[in-house]
Structure formats: structure tokens, C-alpha cells
Amino acid sequence: MSLLTPDFGLLFWMVVIFLALLFVLARWGFPVITRMIEERRAYIADSMRSADEANRRLAEIKNEAEALLSETNSQRMKTIADATRTADEIVLQAKERAATEGRKEFEKAIEQIAAERDNAIAQISEHVALLSIAVAEKILRGELKDPDAAKDYLHKMAKEL
């Protein structure tokens, strides 16, 4: 007997055991294995569908986020433009108010200067009148010491008037 060549009895029992094992596997083992493989295939297919759905939803969310970001940017730009316009209007109104107040103050200053000028002229006129009266009084006292000269002076003044 050689180790490399089996004899007929051993070969027969090996074939019988192999066929019995094949029958048992075909009857109870292969259906379980194929069912598990099918379940695994279905699970993988479901996972792939779920992944595709998740990718699609993620792309939709990304597009929505981009649209929202774009809208937010446009709103921000609009708000900035409105704020700039409002600030410009406020500055313009402040300038106009300042110009109006400046004109009022200038007019008030002119009126005050005119009033002070008129007051000064009135005071000067009053002083000139008082001075003229004082000078005239001194002149008349000097000329009217003599009663005859006083009469002549009065007649002369009456004729001039």
C-alpha cells in the first residue's frame, strides 16, 4: 500500500461521505447560506439607496443653503445701501439745519449790530445836541449880556426863521 494511491474501499467511503455531506449541505446548509447572501445583498442595496438618497438630500440642502446665503448677502447689501442712504440723508439734514441755524445767528448778529449802531447814533446825537446846547448857551450868555445886543440878536434870528 502506497500512501499516494488510496485503495478502493477508502475511496468508496470517501465518496459516500462526500455525497452525504453534499446532500446535507444542499438540503439544509446551502439554502441558509444563499438566503443570508440574498439578505446581505438586499441590505447592501438598501444601504446604497439610502446613501444615494442621503447624497441627493445633501445636494438639495447645499443648494438651499447657497440660495439662502445668496439671499442673505443681497439682503445685507440692501440693508447697507439703506443705512448708507439714511446716513447721507441725516448728514444732509444736519448740514441744512446747521446752515439754517448759522443764517439765523448771522441775521440775529446783524440785527444786534444794527440795534447797537442805532443806539450808538442816538447816544452820539444826544451828546451832540447836549454839546450844541451847551455851546450855544455859552455863546448866547456871552452875547446876551447886553440887553440891546440881545434884542438885536432875537430880531435877527426871527428874520432868519
N, C-alpha and C. Protein backbone atom coordinates (compact mmCIF):
# COMPACT_ATOMS: atom_id res chain seq x y z
N MET A 1 0.80 -1.18 0.00
CA MET A 1 0.00 0.00 0.00
C MET A 1 0.84 1.24 0.00
N SER A 2 0.43 2.01 -0.89
CA SER A 2 1.18 3.24 -1.02
C SER A 2 0.38 4.39 -0.42
N LEU A 3 1.10 5.34 0.06
CA LEU A 3 0.43 6.48 0.70
C LEU A 3 -0.24 7.37 -0.33
N LEU A 4 0.23 7.38 -1.52
CA LEU A 4 -0.32 8.29 -2.51
C LEU A 4 -1.46 7.69 -3.30
N THR A 5 -1.65 6.47 -3.31
CA THR A 5 -2.74 5.83 -4.04
C THR A 5 -3.65 5.15 -3.03
N PRO A 6 -4.85 5.65 -2.85
CA PRO A 6 -5.76 5.03 -1.88
C PRO A 6 -6.36 3.77 -2.48
N ASP A 7 -6.74 2.88 -1.65
CA ASP A 7 -7.36 1.67 -2.17
C ASP A 7 -8.84 1.91 -2.40
N PHE A 8 -9.50 0.96 -2.98
CA PHE A 8 -10.88 1.11 -3.44
C PHE A 8 -11.85 1.32 -2.28
N GLY A 9 -11.74 0.70 -1.20
CA GLY A 9 -12.65 0.79 -0.04
C GLY A 9 -12.60 2.19 0.55
N LEU A 10 -11.41 2.71 0.70
CA LEU A 10 -11.27 4.06 1.23
C LEU A 10 -11.87 5.07 0.27
N LEU A 11 -11.64 4.88 -0.97
CA LEU A 11 -12.17 5.78 -1.97
C LEU A 11 -13.69 5.72 -1.98
N PHE A 12 -14.27 4.52 -1.85
CA PHE A 12 -15.72 4.36 -1.82
C PHE A 12 -16.32 5.10 -0.64
N TRP A 13 -15.79 4.90 0.54
CA TRP A 13 -16.35 5.56 1.73
C TRP A 13 -16.14 7.08 1.67
N MET A 14 -15.08 7.51 1.07
CA MET A 14 -14.86 8.95 0.92
C MET A 14 -15.92 9.55 0.00
N VAL A 15 -16.25 8.85 -1.06
CA VAL A 15 -17.28 9.34 -1.99
C VAL A 15 -18.63 9.31 -1.30
N VAL A 16 -18.94 8.25 -0.54
CA VAL A 16 -20.23 8.16 0.16
C VAL A 16 -20.35 9.28 1.18
N ILE A 17 -19.33 9.51 1.97
CA ILE A 17 -19.38 10.57 2.98
C ILE A 17 -19.48 11.93 2.30
N PHE A 18 -18.74 12.08 1.19
CA PHE A 18 -18.81 13.36 0.47
C PHE A 18 -20.21 13.60 -0.06
N LEU A 19 -20.84 12.56 -0.62
CA LEU A 19 -22.20 12.73 -1.16
C LEU A 19 -23.20 12.97 -0.03
N ALA A 20 -23.01 12.30 1.11
CA ALA A 20 -23.90 12.52 2.25
C ALA A 20 -23.74 13.96 2.74
N LEU A 21 -22.50 14.40 2.84
CA LEU A 21 -22.25 15.77 3.28
C LEU A 21 -22.81 16.76 2.27
N LEU A 22 -22.67 16.45 1.00
CA LEU A 22 -23.21 17.31 -0.05
C LEU A 22 -24.72 17.35 0.04
N PHE A 23 -25.36 16.21 0.30
CA PHE A 23 -26.81 16.15 0.44
C PHE A 23 -27.26 16.98 1.65
N VAL A 24 -26.58 16.82 2.78
CA VAL A 24 -26.94 17.59 3.99
C VAL A 24 -26.76 19.07 3.73
N LEU A 25 -25.64 19.44 3.11
CA LEU A 25 -25.41 20.86 2.82
C LEU A 25 -26.44 21.39 1.83
N ALA A 26 -26.75 20.59 0.80
CA ALA A 26 -27.72 21.04 -0.20
C ALA A 26 -29.10 21.15 0.41
N ARG A 27 -29.43 20.29 1.33
CA ARG A 27 -30.76 20.29 1.93
C ARG A 27 -30.91 21.38 2.98
N TRP A 28 -29.94 21.52 3.88
CA TRP A 28 -30.11 22.47 4.99
C TRP A 28 -29.05 23.58 4.99
N GLY A 29 -27.91 23.43 4.46
CA GLY A 29 -26.83 24.41 4.54
C GLY A 29 -26.87 25.46 3.44
N PHE A 30 -26.96 25.03 2.18
CA PHE A 30 -26.92 25.97 1.06
C PHE A 30 -28.11 26.93 1.06
N PRO A 31 -29.35 26.44 1.37
CA PRO A 31 -30.45 27.41 1.40
C PRO A 31 -30.22 28.50 2.46
N VAL A 32 -29.69 28.15 3.58
CA VAL A 32 -29.41 29.14 4.63
C VAL A 32 -28.33 30.10 4.15
N ILE A 33 -27.29 29.54 3.55
CA ILE A 33 -26.18 30.38 3.07
C ILE A 33 -26.67 31.32 1.97
N THR A 34 -27.44 30.75 0.99
CA THR A 34 -27.93 31.60 -0.10
C THR A 34 -28.92 32.64 0.42
N ARG A 35 -29.75 32.26 1.41
CA ARG A 35 -30.69 33.23 1.99
C ARG A 35 -29.90 34.36 2.69
N MET A 36 -28.85 34.00 3.42
CA MET A 36 -28.05 35.02 4.10
C MET A 36 -27.35 35.91 3.09
N ILE A 37 -26.88 35.30 2.00
CA ILE A 37 -26.24 36.11 0.94
C ILE A 37 -27.26 37.06 0.32
N GLU A 38 -28.48 36.58 0.05
CA GLU A 38 -29.53 37.43 -0.51
C GLU A 38 -29.90 38.56 0.46
N GLU A 39 -30.01 38.19 1.74
CA GLU A 39 -30.32 39.22 2.74
C GLU A 39 -29.20 40.27 2.78
N ARG A 40 -27.99 39.81 2.72
CA ARG A 40 -26.85 40.74 2.73
C ARG A 40 -26.87 41.61 1.48
N ARG A 41 -27.20 40.99 0.30
CA ARG A 41 -27.28 41.73 -0.95
C ARG A 41 -28.39 42.79 -0.85
N ALA A 42 -29.56 42.40 -0.30
CA ALA A 42 -30.67 43.33 -0.13
C ALA A 42 -30.28 44.46 0.83
N TYR A 43 -29.59 44.09 1.93
CA TYR A 43 -29.15 45.10 2.90
C TYR A 43 -28.19 46.09 2.25
N ILE A 44 -27.26 45.56 1.44
CA ILE A 44 -26.30 46.44 0.75
C ILE A 44 -27.03 47.32 -0.26
N ALA A 45 -28.01 46.74 -1.00
CA ALA A 45 -28.77 47.53 -1.97
C ALA A 45 -29.56 48.63 -1.25
N ASP A 46 -30.20 48.29 -0.11
CA ASP A 46 -30.91 49.30 0.68
C ASP A 46 -29.96 50.38 1.17
N SER A 47 -28.80 49.95 1.61
CA SER A 47 -27.80 50.92 2.09
C SER A 47 -27.37 51.85 0.96
N MET A 48 -27.20 51.27 -0.23
CA MET A 48 -26.81 52.09 -1.39
C MET A 48 -27.91 53.08 -1.74
N ARG A 49 -29.19 52.60 -1.71
CA ARG A 49 -30.31 53.51 -1.99
C ARG A 49 -30.37 54.62 -0.93
N SER A 50 -30.17 54.22 0.32
CA SER A 50 -30.18 55.22 1.39
C SER A 50 -29.05 56.22 1.23
N ALA A 51 -27.88 55.72 0.84
CA ALA A 51 -26.74 56.61 0.63
C ALA A 51 -27.00 57.55 -0.53
N ASP A 52 -27.59 57.00 -1.63
CA ASP A 52 -27.94 57.85 -2.77
C ASP A 52 -28.96 58.91 -2.36
N GLU A 53 -29.96 58.49 -1.59
CA GLU A 53 -30.98 59.42 -1.11
C GLU A 53 -30.35 60.49 -0.21
N ALA A 54 -29.44 60.05 0.66
CA ALA A 54 -28.76 61.00 1.54
C ALA A 54 -27.92 61.97 0.73
N ASN A 55 -27.23 61.47 -0.30
CA ASN A 55 -26.43 62.35 -1.16
C ASN A 55 -27.32 63.34 -1.90
N ARG A 56 -28.45 62.83 -2.41
CA ARG A 56 -29.38 63.72 -3.11
C ARG A 56 -29.91 64.80 -2.17
N ARG A 57 -30.30 64.36 -0.97
CA ARG A 57 -30.84 65.32 0.03
C ARG A 57 -29.76 66.31 0.46
N LEU A 58 -28.53 65.81 0.59
CA LEU A 58 -27.42 66.68 0.95
C LEU A 58 -27.18 67.72 -0.14
N ALA A 59 -27.29 67.30 -1.41
CA ALA A 59 -27.13 68.24 -2.52
C ALA A 59 -28.25 69.28 -2.49
N GLU A 60 -29.49 68.83 -2.19
CA GLU A 60 -30.61 69.78 -2.08
C GLU A 60 -30.37 70.78 -0.96
N ILE A 61 -29.93 70.27 0.18
CA ILE A 61 -29.65 71.15 1.33
C ILE A 61 -28.54 72.13 0.99
N LYS A 62 -27.52 71.63 0.27
CA LYS A 62 -26.42 72.51 -0.13
C LYS A 62 -26.94 73.61 -1.05
N ASN A 63 -27.79 73.24 -2.01
CA ASN A 63 -28.37 74.24 -2.92
C ASN A 63 -29.23 75.23 -2.15
N GLU A 64 -30.03 74.73 -1.21
CA GLU A 64 -30.87 75.62 -0.40
C GLU A 64 -30.00 76.55 0.43
N ALA A 65 -28.92 76.02 0.99
CA ALA A 65 -28.01 76.85 1.78
C ALA A 65 -27.37 77.93 0.93
N GLU A 66 -26.96 77.54 -0.29
CA GLU A 66 -26.36 78.53 -1.20
C GLU A 66 -27.38 79.60 -1.57
N ALA A 67 -28.62 79.18 -1.84
CA ALA A 67 -29.67 80.16 -2.17
C ALA A 67 -29.93 81.07 -0.98
N LEU A 68 -29.99 80.48 0.20
CA LEU A 68 -30.22 81.27 1.41
C LEU A 68 -29.07 82.23 1.65
N LEU A 69 -27.85 81.76 1.44
CA LEU A 69 -26.68 82.61 1.60
C LEU A 69 -26.70 83.75 0.59
N SER A 70 -27.07 83.43 -0.63
CA SER A 70 -27.17 84.47 -1.67
C SER A 70 -28.23 85.49 -1.30
N GLU A 71 -29.38 85.01 -0.84
CA GLU A 71 -30.45 85.91 -0.42
C GLU A 71 -30.01 86.76 0.77
N THR A 72 -29.32 86.14 1.71
CA THR A 72 -28.83 86.87 2.87
C THR A 72 -27.84 87.94 2.46
N ASN A 73 -26.95 87.61 1.52
CA ASN A 73 -25.99 88.60 1.03
C ASN A 73 -26.71 89.76 0.35
N SER A 74 -27.72 89.44 -0.46
CA SER A 74 -28.45 90.52 -1.13
C SER A 74 -29.20 91.37 -0.11
N GLN A 75 -29.77 90.72 0.91
CA GLN A 75 -30.45 91.48 1.97
C GLN A 75 -29.45 92.36 2.72
N ARG A 76 -28.27 91.80 2.99
CA ARG A 76 -27.24 92.57 3.69
C ARG A 76 -26.83 93.77 2.85
N MET A 77 -26.63 93.56 1.56
CA MET A 77 -26.25 94.67 0.68
C MET A 77 -27.36 95.72 0.64
N LYS A 78 -28.60 95.26 0.58
CA LYS A 78 -29.73 96.19 0.57
C LYS A 78 -29.78 96.97 1.88
N THR A 79 -29.58 96.27 3.00
CA THR A 79 -29.59 96.94 4.30
C THR A 79 -28.46 97.95 4.40
N ILE A 80 -27.29 97.58 3.90
CA ILE A 80 -26.15 98.51 3.92
C ILE A 80 -26.46 99.73 3.05
N ALA A 81 -27.05 99.49 1.87
CA ALA A 81 -27.39 100.61 0.99
C ALA A 81 -28.43 101.51 1.66
N ASP A 82 -29.44 100.90 2.30
CA ASP A 82 -30.45 101.69 3.00
C ASP A 82 -29.82 102.49 4.14
N ALA A 83 -28.93 101.85 4.88
CA ALA A 83 -28.28 102.53 6.00
C ALA A 83 -27.41 103.68 5.50
N THR A 84 -26.71 103.44 4.39
CA THR A 84 -25.87 104.49 3.81
C THR A 84 -26.74 105.65 3.34
N ARG A 85 -27.84 105.32 2.67
CA ARG A 85 -28.74 106.37 2.19
C ARG A 85 -29.31 107.16 3.37
N THR A 86 -29.72 106.44 4.42
CA THR A 86 -30.27 107.11 5.60
C THR A 86 -29.21 107.98 6.27
N ALA A 87 -28.00 107.48 6.36
CA ALA A 87 -26.91 108.27 6.96
C ALA A 87 -26.65 109.52 6.13
N ASP A 88 -26.66 109.38 4.80
CA ASP A 88 -26.46 110.54 3.94
C ASP A 88 -27.58 111.56 4.13
N GLU A 89 -28.81 111.07 4.24
CA GLU A 89 -29.94 111.97 4.47
C GLU A 89 -29.81 112.68 5.81
N ILE A 90 -29.41 111.95 6.83
CA ILE A 90 -29.24 112.56 8.15
C ILE A 90 -28.15 113.61 8.12
N VAL A 91 -27.04 113.30 7.44
CA VAL A 91 -25.95 114.27 7.33
C VAL A 91 -26.42 115.51 6.56
N LEU A 92 -27.18 115.28 5.47
CA LEU A 92 -27.69 116.40 4.69
C LEU A 92 -28.64 117.26 5.52
N GLN A 93 -29.53 116.60 6.27
CA GLN A 93 -30.45 117.35 7.14
C GLN A 93 -29.69 118.12 8.20
N ALA A 94 -28.65 117.49 8.75
CA ALA A 94 -27.85 118.18 9.77
C ALA A 94 -27.15 119.39 9.18
N LYS A 95 -26.63 119.23 7.95
CA LYS A 95 -25.98 120.37 7.28
C LYS A 95 -26.98 121.48 7.03
N GLU A 96 -28.19 121.10 6.55
CA GLU A 96 -29.21 122.11 6.29
C GLU A 96 -29.60 122.82 7.58
N ARG A 97 -29.78 122.04 8.67
CA ARG A 97 -30.12 122.65 9.97
C ARG A 97 -29.01 123.57 10.43
N ALA A 98 -27.76 123.11 10.26
CA ALA A 98 -26.63 123.94 10.68
C ALA A 98 -26.58 125.22 9.85
N ALA A 99 -26.83 125.10 8.53
CA ALA A 99 -26.84 126.30 7.69
C ALA A 99 -27.97 127.24 8.10
N THR A 100 -29.16 126.67 8.38
CA THR A 100 -30.29 127.49 8.80
C THR A 100 -29.98 128.18 10.12
N GLU A 101 -29.44 127.41 11.07
CA GLU A 101 -29.09 127.99 12.37
C GLU A 101 -28.01 129.05 12.19
N GLY A 102 -27.05 128.80 11.32
CA GLY A 102 -26.00 129.78 11.04
C GLY A 102 -26.57 131.05 10.47
N ARG A 103 -27.51 130.91 9.52
CA ARG A 103 -28.15 132.10 8.94
C ARG A 103 -28.91 132.86 10.01
N LYS A 104 -29.65 132.12 10.86
CA LYS A 104 -30.41 132.78 11.93
C LYS A 104 -29.48 133.53 12.87
N GLU A 105 -28.38 132.87 13.25
CA GLU A 105 -27.42 133.52 14.14
C GLU A 105 -26.80 134.74 13.46
N PHE A 106 -26.49 134.61 12.15
CA PHE A 106 -25.92 135.71 11.41
C PHE A 106 -26.90 136.88 11.33
N GLU A 107 -28.18 136.55 11.02
CA GLU A 107 -29.20 137.60 10.96
C GLU A 107 -29.40 138.25 12.32
N LYS A 108 -29.39 137.40 13.37
CA LYS A 108 -29.53 137.94 14.72
C LYS A 108 -28.35 138.86 15.04
N ALA A 109 -27.14 138.45 14.65
CA ALA A 109 -25.96 139.28 14.89
C ALA A 109 -26.05 140.58 14.13
N ILE A 110 -26.53 140.52 12.86
CA ILE A 110 -26.69 141.75 12.07
C ILE A 110 -27.71 142.66 12.72
N GLU A 111 -28.84 142.08 13.17
CA GLU A 111 -29.86 142.89 13.83
C GLU A 111 -29.31 143.50 15.11
N GLN A 112 -28.54 142.72 15.86
CA GLN A 112 -27.97 143.23 17.10
C GLN A 112 -26.97 144.35 16.80
N ILE A 113 -26.15 144.15 15.76
CA ILE A 113 -25.19 145.21 15.37
C ILE A 113 -25.93 146.45 14.93
N ALA A 114 -27.01 146.27 14.13
CA ALA A 114 -27.79 147.42 13.68
C ALA A 114 -28.43 148.13 14.86
N ALA A 115 -28.94 147.36 15.83
CA ALA A 115 -29.55 147.98 17.01
C ALA A 115 -28.50 148.73 17.82
N GLU A 116 -27.34 148.11 17.98
CA GLU A 116 -26.28 148.79 18.72
C GLU A 116 -25.80 150.04 17.97
N ARG A 117 -25.73 149.95 16.63
CA ARG A 117 -25.34 151.12 15.83
C ARG A 117 -26.37 152.23 16.00
N ASP A 118 -27.67 151.86 15.89
CA ASP A 118 -28.72 152.86 16.06
C ASP A 118 -28.66 153.46 17.46
N ASN A 119 -28.41 152.60 18.45
CA ASN A 119 -28.30 153.07 19.83
C ASN A 119 -27.11 154.02 19.97
N ALA A 120 -25.98 153.63 19.36
CA ALA A 120 -24.79 154.49 19.42
C ALA A 120 -25.04 155.81 18.72
N ILE A 121 -25.70 155.77 17.55
CA ILE A 121 -26.01 157.02 16.83
C ILE A 121 -26.93 157.89 17.66
N ALA A 122 -27.93 157.25 18.29
CA ALA A 122 -28.84 158.02 19.13
C ALA A 122 -28.08 158.65 20.30
N GLN A 123 -27.17 157.90 20.91
CA GLN A 123 -26.39 158.45 22.02
C GLN A 123 -25.49 159.58 21.55
N ILE A 124 -24.85 159.36 20.39
CA ILE A 124 -23.98 160.40 19.83
C ILE A 124 -24.80 161.63 19.50
N SER A 125 -25.98 161.40 18.88
CA SER A 125 -26.84 162.54 18.55
C SER A 125 -27.25 163.29 19.81
N GLU A 126 -27.57 162.53 20.85
CA GLU A 126 -27.95 163.16 22.12
C GLU A 126 -26.79 163.95 22.69
N HIS A 127 -25.58 163.36 22.64
CA HIS A 127 -24.41 164.07 23.16
C HIS A 127 -24.11 165.32 22.32
N VAL A 128 -24.24 165.18 20.97
CA VAL A 128 -24.01 166.33 20.09
C VAL A 128 -25.03 167.42 20.40
N ALA A 129 -26.29 167.01 20.58
CA ALA A 129 -27.33 168.00 20.88
C ALA A 129 -27.05 168.69 22.21
N LEU A 130 -26.68 167.90 23.22
CA LEU A 130 -26.37 168.50 24.52
C LEU A 130 -25.16 169.41 24.44
N LEU A 131 -24.17 168.96 23.67
CA LEU A 131 -22.97 169.78 23.49
C LEU A 131 -23.29 171.06 22.73
N SER A 132 -24.14 170.91 21.71
CA SER A 132 -24.54 172.10 20.93
C SER A 132 -25.30 173.08 21.81
N ILE A 133 -26.18 172.52 22.64
CA ILE A 133 -26.94 173.40 23.55
C ILE A 133 -25.99 174.08 24.52
N ALA A 134 -25.04 173.31 25.02
CA ALA A 134 -24.10 173.91 25.97
C ALA A 134 -23.27 175.00 25.31
N VAL A 135 -22.80 174.73 24.08
CA VAL A 135 -22.01 175.74 23.36
C VAL A 135 -22.87 176.94 23.04
N ALA A 136 -24.10 176.66 22.56
CA ALA A 136 -24.98 177.78 22.22
C ALA A 136 -25.30 178.61 23.47
N GLU A 137 -25.49 177.91 24.59
CA GLU A 137 -25.79 178.61 25.83
C GLU A 137 -24.62 179.52 26.22
N LYS A 138 -23.40 179.00 26.08
CA LYS A 138 -22.23 179.82 26.45
C LYS A 138 -22.10 181.01 25.51
N ILE A 139 -22.36 180.75 24.21
CA ILE A 139 -22.27 181.85 23.24
C ILE A 139 -23.34 182.88 23.53
N LEU A 140 -24.55 182.41 23.76
CA LEU A 140 -25.66 183.34 24.00
C LEU A 140 -25.47 184.12 25.30
N ARG A 141 -24.96 183.48 26.28
CA ARG A 141 -24.72 184.19 27.54
C ARG A 141 -23.70 185.30 27.33
N GLY A 142 -22.71 184.94 26.51
CA GLY A 142 -21.69 185.97 26.24
C GLY A 142 -22.27 187.13 25.42
N GLU A 143 -23.11 186.86 24.45
CA GLU A 143 -23.65 187.89 23.57
C GLU A 143 -24.85 188.57 24.19
N LEU A 144 -25.56 187.88 25.05
CA LEU A 144 -26.79 188.46 25.58
C LEU A 144 -26.59 189.17 26.92
N LYS A 145 -25.39 189.47 27.27
CA LYS A 145 -25.16 190.24 28.49
C LYS A 145 -25.67 191.66 28.32
N ASP A 146 -25.54 192.13 27.18
CA ASP A 146 -26.03 193.49 26.89
C ASP A 146 -27.46 193.37 26.39
N PRO A 147 -28.47 194.09 27.02
CA PRO A 147 -29.87 193.97 26.62
C PRO A 147 -30.11 194.42 25.20
N ASP A 148 -29.44 195.40 24.73
CA ASP A 148 -29.65 195.87 23.36
C ASP A 148 -29.14 194.83 22.36
N ALA A 149 -27.99 194.22 22.64
CA ALA A 149 -27.44 193.19 21.76
C ALA A 149 -28.36 191.98 21.75
N ALA A 150 -28.99 191.68 22.89
CA ALA A 150 -29.91 190.55 22.96
C ALA A 150 -31.11 190.79 22.08
N LYS A 151 -31.65 192.03 22.09
CA LYS A 151 -32.81 192.35 21.26
C LYS A 151 -32.43 192.23 19.80
N ASP A 152 -31.28 192.79 19.44
CA ASP A 152 -30.84 192.72 18.05
C ASP A 152 -30.66 191.25 17.60
N TYR A 153 -30.11 190.46 18.47
CA TYR A 153 -29.88 189.05 18.15
C TYR A 153 -31.20 188.32 17.97
N LEU A 154 -32.20 188.59 18.83
CA LEU A 154 -33.50 187.95 18.72
C LEU A 154 -34.21 188.36 17.43
N HIS A 155 -34.11 189.65 17.06
CA HIS A 155 -34.73 190.11 15.80
C HIS A 155 -34.05 189.46 14.61
N LYS A 156 -32.77 189.36 14.66
CA LYS A 156 -32.01 188.73 13.57
C LYS A 156 -32.42 187.25 13.43
N MET A 157 -32.56 186.55 14.53
CA MET A 157 -32.94 185.13 14.50
C MET A 157 -34.37 184.96 14.00
N ALA A 158 -35.23 185.84 14.39
CA ALA A 158 -36.62 185.76 13.95
C ALA A 158 -36.70 185.94 12.45
N LYS A 159 -35.91 186.84 11.90
CA LYS A 159 -35.91 187.08 10.47
C LYS A 159 -35.38 185.86 9.71
N GLU A 160 -34.42 185.20 10.26
CA GLU A 160 -33.86 184.00 9.61
C GLU A 160 -34.85 182.85 9.60
N LEU A 161 -35.62 182.74 10.65
CA LEU A 161 -36.59 181.67 10.71
C LEU A 161 -37.74 181.96 9.79
